[in-house]
Amino acid sequence: CVASGISFSIRTMGWYRQAPGKQRELVV
């Protein structure tokens, strides 16, 4: 994932996942 427009180096970043009909979940 390439991010832009944010102060990337100081931000905690995460991967989320979402199944159809379900809420997006932060997994890591």
PDB file of all heavy atoms in Angstrom:
ATOM      1  N   CYS A   1       0.856  -1.192   0.000  1.00  0.00           N
ATOM      2  CA  CYS A   1       0.000   0.000   0.000  1.00  0.00           C
ATOM      3  C   CYS A   1       0.885   1.233   0.000  1.00  0.00           C
ATOM      4  O   CYS A   1       1.745   1.377   0.873  1.00  0.00           O
ATOM      5  CB  CYS A   1      -0.907   0.006   1.220  1.00  0.00           C
ATOM      6  SG  CYS A   1      -1.812   1.552   1.452  1.00  0.00           S
ATOM      7  N   VAL A   2       0.653   2.088  -0.966  1.00  0.00           N
ATOM      8  CA  VAL A   2       1.370   3.362  -1.034  1.00  0.00           C
ATOM      9  C   VAL A   2       0.412   4.460  -0.588  1.00  0.00           C
ATOM     10  O   VAL A   2      -0.695   4.587  -1.127  1.00  0.00           O
ATOM     11  CB  VAL A   2       1.877   3.642  -2.451  1.00  0.00           C
ATOM     12  CG1 VAL A   2       2.594   4.986  -2.490  1.00  0.00           C
ATOM     13  CG2 VAL A   2       2.796   2.535  -2.924  1.00  0.00           C
ATOM     14  N   ALA A   3       0.844   5.227   0.384  1.00  0.00           N
ATOM     15  CA  ALA A   3       0.024   6.305   0.924  1.00  0.00           C
ATOM     16  C   ALA A   3       0.585   7.651   0.471  1.00  0.00           C
ATOM     17  O   ALA A   3       1.796   7.811   0.296  1.00  0.00           O
ATOM     18  CB  ALA A   3       0.002   6.251   2.442  1.00  0.00           C
ATOM     19  N   SER A   4      -0.294   8.602   0.282  1.00  0.00           N
ATOM     20  CA  SER A   4       0.127   9.962  -0.044  1.00  0.00           C
ATOM     21  C   SER A   4      -0.816  10.943   0.632  1.00  0.00           C
ATOM     22  O   SER A   4      -1.948  10.605   0.989  1.00  0.00           O
ATOM     23  CB  SER A   4       0.145  10.180  -1.560  1.00  0.00           C
ATOM     24  OG  SER A   4      -1.119   9.915  -2.124  1.00  0.00           O
ATOM     25  N   GLY A   5      -0.317  12.154   0.834  1.00  0.00           N
ATOM     26  CA  GLY A   5      -1.144  13.192   1.449  1.00  0.00           C
ATOM     27  C   GLY A   5      -1.215  13.137   2.958  1.00  0.00           C
ATOM     28  O   GLY A   5      -2.006  13.863   3.564  1.00  0.00           O
ATOM     29  N   ILE A   6      -0.423  12.264   3.571  1.00  0.00           N
ATOM     30  CA  ILE A   6      -0.383  12.182   5.028  1.00  0.00           C
ATOM     31  C   ILE A   6       1.073  12.212   5.479  1.00  0.00           C
ATOM     32  O   ILE A   6       1.974  11.951   4.682  1.00  0.00           O
ATOM     33  CB  ILE A   6      -1.054  10.902   5.571  1.00  0.00           C
ATOM     34  CG1 ILE A   6      -0.323   9.638   5.094  1.00  0.00           C
ATOM     35  CG2 ILE A   6      -2.520  10.851   5.169  1.00  0.00           C
ATOM     36  CD1 ILE A   6      -0.797   8.362   5.764  1.00  0.00           C
ATOM     37  N   SER A   7       1.287  12.522   6.733  1.00  0.00           N
ATOM     38  CA  SER A   7       2.641  12.477   7.306  1.00  0.00           C
ATOM     39  C   SER A   7       2.949  11.032   7.657  1.00  0.00           C
ATOM     40  O   SER A   7       2.909  10.622   8.818  1.00  0.00           O
ATOM     41  CB  SER A   7       2.708  13.368   8.539  1.00  0.00           C
ATOM     42  OG  SER A   7       2.393  14.710   8.206  1.00  0.00           O
ATOM     43  N   PHE A   8       3.255  10.257   6.637  1.00  0.00           N
ATOM     44  CA  PHE A   8       3.316   8.793   6.762  1.00  0.00           C
ATOM     45  C   PHE A   8       4.264   8.350   7.868  1.00  0.00           C
ATOM     46  O   PHE A   8       3.924   7.481   8.669  1.00  0.00           O
ATOM     47  CB  PHE A   8       3.753   8.200   5.422  1.00  0.00           C
ATOM     48  CG  PHE A   8       3.818   6.707   5.407  1.00  0.00           C
ATOM     49  CD1 PHE A   8       2.690   5.954   5.121  1.00  0.00           C
ATOM     50  CD2 PHE A   8       5.023   6.049   5.670  1.00  0.00           C
ATOM     51  CE1 PHE A   8       2.745   4.568   5.104  1.00  0.00           C
ATOM     52  CE2 PHE A   8       5.084   4.662   5.655  1.00  0.00           C
ATOM     53  CZ  PHE A   8       3.944   3.927   5.366  1.00  0.00           C
ATOM     54  N   SER A   9       5.434   8.926   7.940  1.00  0.00           N
ATOM     55  CA  SER A   9       6.470   8.395   8.829  1.00  0.00           C
ATOM     56  C   SER A   9       6.103   8.481  10.301  1.00  0.00           C
ATOM     57  O   SER A   9       6.639   7.731  11.116  1.00  0.00           O
ATOM     58  CB  SER A   9       7.799   9.094   8.572  1.00  0.00           C
ATOM     59  OG  SER A   9       7.694  10.469   8.895  1.00  0.00           O
ATOM     60  N   ILE A  10       5.189   9.368  10.659  1.00  0.00           N
ATOM     61  CA  ILE A  10       4.840   9.512  12.068  1.00  0.00           C
ATOM     62  C   ILE A  10       3.498   8.870  12.409  1.00  0.00           C
ATOM     63  O   ILE A  10       3.091   8.882  13.564  1.00  0.00           O
ATOM     64  CB  ILE A  10       4.804  11.001  12.491  1.00  0.00           C
ATOM     65  CG1 ILE A  10       3.682  11.748  11.758  1.00  0.00           C
ATOM     66  CG2 ILE A  10       6.152  11.653  12.253  1.00  0.00           C
ATOM     67  CD1 ILE A  10       3.466  13.162  12.273  1.00  0.00           C
ATOM     68  N   ARG A  11       2.846   8.286  11.418  1.00  0.00           N
ATOM     69  CA  ARG A  11       1.525   7.724  11.637  1.00  0.00           C
ATOM     70  C   ARG A  11       1.586   6.222  11.889  1.00  0.00           C
ATOM     71  O   ARG A  11       2.381   5.498  11.275  1.00  0.00           O
ATOM     72  CB  ARG A  11       0.619   7.986  10.429  1.00  0.00           C
ATOM     73  CG  ARG A  11       0.453   9.445  10.075  1.00  0.00           C
ATOM     74  CD  ARG A  11      -0.174  10.249  11.190  1.00  0.00           C
ATOM     75  NE  ARG A  11      -1.536   9.898  11.453  1.00  0.00           N
ATOM     76  CZ  ARG A  11      -2.596  10.428  10.842  1.00  0.00           C
ATOM     77  NH1 ARG A  11      -2.435  11.332   9.906  1.00  0.00           N
ATOM     78  NH2 ARG A  11      -3.810  10.059  11.174  1.00  0.00           N
ATOM     79  N   THR A  12       0.742   5.754  12.801  1.00  0.00           N
ATOM     80  CA  THR A  12       0.537   4.316  12.944  1.00  0.00           C
ATOM     81  C   THR A  12      -0.345   3.870  11.779  1.00  0.00           C
ATOM     82  O   THR A  12      -1.432   4.417  11.573  1.00  0.00           O
ATOM     83  CB  THR A  12      -0.140   3.978  14.276  1.00  0.00           C
ATOM     84  OG1 THR A  12       0.738   4.338  15.347  1.00  0.00           O
ATOM     85  CG2 THR A  12      -0.451   2.490  14.367  1.00  0.00           C
ATOM     86  N   MET A  13       0.131   2.908  11.035  1.00  0.00           N
ATOM     87  CA  MET A  13      -0.585   2.433   9.849  1.00  0.00           C
ATOM     88  C   MET A  13      -1.185   1.060  10.109  1.00  0.00           C
ATOM     89  O   MET A  13      -0.675   0.282  10.913  1.00  0.00           O
ATOM     90  CB  MET A  13       0.358   2.359   8.652  1.00  0.00           C
ATOM     91  CG  MET A  13       0.921   3.707   8.236  1.00  0.00           C
ATOM     92  SD  MET A  13      -0.346   4.885   7.742  1.00  0.00           S
ATOM     93  CE  MET A  13      -1.065   4.054   6.311  1.00  0.00           C
ATOM     94  N   GLY A  14      -2.245   0.768   9.390  1.00  0.00           N
ATOM     95  CA  GLY A  14      -2.902  -0.512   9.595  1.00  0.00           C
ATOM     96  C   GLY A  14      -3.432  -1.116   8.315  1.00  0.00           C
ATOM     97  O   GLY A  14      -3.633  -0.427   7.318  1.00  0.00           O
ATOM     98  N   TRP A  15      -3.604  -2.420   8.364  1.00  0.00           N
ATOM     99  CA  TRP A  15      -4.311  -3.153   7.314  1.00  0.00           C
ATOM    100  C   TRP A  15      -5.665  -3.573   7.874  1.00  0.00           C
ATOM    101  O   TRP A  15      -5.745  -4.100   8.995  1.00  0.00           O
ATOM    102  CB  TRP A  15      -3.529  -4.378   6.860  1.00  0.00           C
ATOM    103  CG  TRP A  15      -2.415  -4.062   5.921  1.00  0.00           C
ATOM    104  CD1 TRP A  15      -1.103  -3.902   6.224  1.00  0.00           C
ATOM    105  CD2 TRP A  15      -2.528  -3.869   4.505  1.00  0.00           C
ATOM    106  NE1 TRP A  15      -0.386  -3.611   5.087  1.00  0.00           N
ATOM    107  CE2 TRP A  15      -1.234  -3.593   4.016  1.00  0.00           C
ATOM    108  CE3 TRP A  15      -3.586  -3.924   3.593  1.00  0.00           C
ATOM    109  CZ2 TRP A  15      -0.977  -3.359   2.667  1.00  0.00           C
ATOM    110  CZ3 TRP A  15      -3.331  -3.693   2.250  1.00  0.00           C
ATOM    111  CH2 TRP A  15      -2.037  -3.409   1.795  1.00  0.00           C
ATOM    112  N   TYR A  16      -6.679  -3.337   7.075  1.00  0.00           N
ATOM    113  CA  TYR A  16      -8.043  -3.679   7.425  1.00  0.00           C
ATOM    114  C   TYR A  16      -8.549  -4.705   6.416  1.00  0.00           C
ATOM    115  O   TYR A  16      -8.040  -4.801   5.297  1.00  0.00           O
ATOM    116  CB  TYR A  16      -8.943  -2.454   7.330  1.00  0.00           C
ATOM    117  CG  TYR A  16      -8.596  -1.304   8.232  1.00  0.00           C
ATOM    118  CD1 TYR A  16      -7.492  -0.487   7.985  1.00  0.00           C
ATOM    119  CD2 TYR A  16      -9.402  -1.000   9.328  1.00  0.00           C
ATOM    120  CE1 TYR A  16      -7.186   0.582   8.804  1.00  0.00           C
ATOM    121  CE2 TYR A  16      -9.114   0.081  10.154  1.00  0.00           C
ATOM    122  CZ  TYR A  16      -8.017   0.862   9.882  1.00  0.00           C
ATOM    123  OH  TYR A  16      -7.739   1.936  10.697  1.00  0.00           O
ATOM    124  N   ARG A  17      -9.602  -5.411   6.798  1.00  0.00           N
ATOM    125  CA  ARG A  17     -10.248  -6.270   5.825  1.00  0.00           C
ATOM    126  C   ARG A  17     -11.752  -6.204   6.026  1.00  0.00           C
ATOM    127  O   ARG A  17     -12.238  -5.906   7.123  1.00  0.00           O
ATOM    128  CB  ARG A  17      -9.752  -7.717   5.912  1.00  0.00           C
ATOM    129  CG  ARG A  17     -10.034  -8.460   7.206  1.00  0.00           C
ATOM    130  CD  ARG A  17      -9.352  -9.817   7.142  1.00  0.00           C
ATOM    131  NE  ARG A  17      -9.597 -10.618   8.340  1.00  0.00           N
ATOM    132  CZ  ARG A  17      -9.003 -11.774   8.585  1.00  0.00           C
ATOM    133  NH1 ARG A  17      -8.109 -12.258   7.731  1.00  0.00           N
ATOM    134  NH2 ARG A  17      -9.291 -12.451   9.681  1.00  0.00           N
ATOM    135  N   GLN A  18     -12.455  -6.471   4.933  1.00  0.00           N
ATOM    136  CA  GLN A  18     -13.904  -6.370   4.951  1.00  0.00           C
ATOM    137  C   GLN A  18     -14.512  -7.414   4.032  1.00  0.00           C
ATOM    138  O   GLN A  18     -14.146  -7.513   2.855  1.00  0.00           O
ATOM    139  CB  GLN A  18     -14.352  -4.978   4.515  1.00  0.00           C
ATOM    140  CG  GLN A  18     -15.842  -4.729   4.630  1.00  0.00           C
ATOM    141  CD  GLN A  18     -16.194  -3.282   4.337  1.00  0.00           C
ATOM    142  OE1 GLN A  18     -15.491  -2.582   3.612  1.00  0.00           O
ATOM    143  NE2 GLN A  18     -17.287  -2.814   4.921  1.00  0.00           N
ATOM    144  N   ALA A  19     -15.432  -8.178   4.579  1.00  0.00           N
ATOM    145  CA  ALA A  19     -16.196  -9.137   3.792  1.00  0.00           C
ATOM    146  C   ALA A  19     -17.525  -8.494   3.413  1.00  0.00           C
ATOM    147  O   ALA A  19     -17.988  -7.573   4.096  1.00  0.00           O
ATOM    148  CB  ALA A  19     -16.421 -10.403   4.602  1.00  0.00           C
ATOM    149  N   PRO A  20     -18.142  -8.955   2.343  1.00  0.00           N
ATOM    150  CA  PRO A  20     -19.436  -8.384   1.932  1.00  0.00           C
ATOM    151  C   PRO A  20     -20.454  -8.416   3.061  1.00  0.00           C
ATOM    152  O   PRO A  20     -20.635  -9.439   3.726  1.00  0.00           O
ATOM    153  CB  PRO A  20     -19.861  -9.295   0.773  1.00  0.00           C
ATOM    154  CG  PRO A  20     -18.598  -9.820   0.229  1.00  0.00           C
ATOM    155  CD  PRO A  20     -17.678  -9.981   1.415  1.00  0.00           C
ATOM    156  N   GLY A  21     -21.083  -7.277   3.323  1.00  0.00           N
ATOM    157  CA  GLY A  21     -22.113  -7.209   4.345  1.00  0.00           C
ATOM    158  C   GLY A  21     -21.598  -7.110   5.768  1.00  0.00           C
ATOM    159  O   GLY A  21     -22.394  -7.100   6.721  1.00  0.00           O
ATOM    160  N   LYS A  22     -20.274  -7.039   5.907  1.00  0.00           N
ATOM    161  CA  LYS A  22     -19.701  -6.969   7.253  1.00  0.00           C
ATOM    162  C   LYS A  22     -18.938  -5.661   7.427  1.00  0.00           C
ATOM    163  O   LYS A  22     -18.576  -4.999   6.461  1.00  0.00           O
ATOM    164  CB  LYS A  22     -18.776  -8.157   7.504  1.00  0.00           C
ATOM    165  CG  LYS A  22     -19.499  -9.488   7.573  1.00  0.00           C
ATOM    166  CD  LYS A  22     -18.561 -10.585   8.056  1.00  0.00           C
ATOM    167  CE  LYS A  22     -19.296 -11.900   8.222  1.00  0.00           C
ATOM    168  NZ  LYS A  22     -18.400 -12.985   8.719  1.00  0.00           N
ATOM    169  N   GLN A  23     -18.670  -5.330   8.681  1.00  0.00           N
ATOM    170  CA  GLN A  23     -17.910  -4.116   8.965  1.00  0.00           C
ATOM    171  C   GLN A  23     -16.437  -4.323   8.668  1.00  0.00           C
ATOM    172  O   GLN A  23     -15.900  -5.440   8.772  1.00  0.00           O
ATOM    173  CB  GLN A  23     -18.071  -3.740  10.436  1.00  0.00           C
ATOM    174  CG  GLN A  23     -19.313  -2.911  10.730  1.00  0.00           C
ATOM    175  CD  GLN A  23     -19.187  -2.140  12.034  1.00  0.00           C
ATOM    176  OE1 GLN A  23     -18.629  -2.648  12.989  1.00  0.00           O
ATOM    177  NE2 GLN A  23     -19.719  -0.940  12.068  1.00  0.00           N
ATOM    178  N   ARG A  24     -15.786  -3.239   8.300  1.00  0.00           N
ATOM    179  CA  ARG A  24     -14.353  -3.270   8.084  1.00  0.00           C
ATOM    180  C   ARG A  24     -13.652  -3.492   9.428  1.00  0.00           C
ATOM    181  O   ARG A  24     -14.007  -2.888  10.440  1.00  0.00           O
ATOM    182  CB  ARG A  24     -13.911  -1.957   7.451  1.00  0.00           C
ATOM    183  CG  ARG A  24     -12.557  -1.963   6.835  1.00  0.00           C
ATOM    184  CD  ARG A  24     -12.359  -0.697   6.021  1.00  0.00           C
ATOM    185  NE  ARG A  24     -13.195  -0.695   4.827  1.00  0.00           N
ATOM    186  CZ  ARG A  24     -13.553   0.408   4.170  1.00  0.00           C
ATOM    187  NH1 ARG A  24     -13.180   1.599   4.612  1.00  0.00           N
ATOM    188  NH2 ARG A  24     -14.297   0.329   3.090  1.00  0.00           N
ATOM    189  N   GLU A  25     -12.643  -4.367   9.417  1.00  0.00           N
ATOM    190  CA  GLU A  25     -11.966  -4.770  10.651  1.00  0.00           C
ATOM    191  C   GLU A  25     -10.476  -4.441  10.551  1.00  0.00           C
ATOM    192  O   GLU A  25      -9.829  -4.805   9.560  1.00  0.00           O
ATOM    193  CB  GLU A  25     -12.152  -6.272  10.850  1.00  0.00           C
ATOM    194  CG  GLU A  25     -11.339  -6.880  11.968  1.00  0.00           C
ATOM    195  CD  GLU A  25     -11.298  -8.404  11.923  1.00  0.00           C
ATOM    196  OE1 GLU A  25     -11.457  -8.980  10.824  1.00  0.00           O
ATOM    197  OE2 GLU A  25     -11.094  -9.019  12.976  1.00  0.00           O
ATOM    198  N   LEU A  26      -9.933  -3.820  11.563  1.00  0.00           N
ATOM    199  CA  LEU A  26      -8.486  -3.599  11.630  1.00  0.00           C
ATOM    200  C   LEU A  26      -7.841  -4.893  12.101  1.00  0.00           C
ATOM    201  O   LEU A  26      -8.142  -5.370  13.191  1.00  0.00           O
ATOM    202  CB  LEU A  26      -8.153  -2.464  12.598  1.00  0.00           C
ATOM    203  CG  LEU A  26      -6.679  -2.181  12.847  1.00  0.00           C
ATOM    204  CD1 LEU A  26      -5.986  -1.707  11.575  1.00  0.00           C
ATOM    205  CD2 LEU A  26      -6.513  -1.146  13.957  1.00  0.00           C
ATOM    206  N   VAL A  27      -6.975  -5.469  11.295  1.00  0.00           N
ATOM    207  CA  VAL A  27      -6.385  -6.759  11.660  1.00  0.00           C
ATOM    208  C   VAL A  27      -4.939  -6.642  12.120  1.00  0.00           C
ATOM    209  O   VAL A  27      -4.463  -7.516  12.855  1.00  0.00           O
ATOM    210  CB  VAL A  27      -6.465  -7.773  10.505  1.00  0.00           C
ATOM    211  CG1 VAL A  27      -7.913  -8.129  10.209  1.00  0.00           C
ATOM    212  CG2 VAL A  27      -5.788  -7.253   9.257  1.00  0.00           C
ATOM    213  N   VAL A  28      -4.260  -5.609  11.698  1.00  0.00           N
ATOM    214  CA  VAL A  28      -2.860  -5.486  12.069  1.00  0.00           C
ATOM    215  C   VAL A  28      -2.433  -4.017  11.949  1.00  0.00           C
ATOM    216  O   VAL A  28      -2.958  -3.298  11.088  1.00  0.00           O
ATOM    217  CB  VAL A  28      -1.978  -6.387  11.183  1.00  0.00           C
ATOM    218  CG1 VAL A  28      -2.152  -6.042   9.719  1.00  0.00           C
ATOM    219  CG2 VAL A  28      -0.531  -6.332  11.569  1.00  0.00           C
TER     220      VAL A  28
END
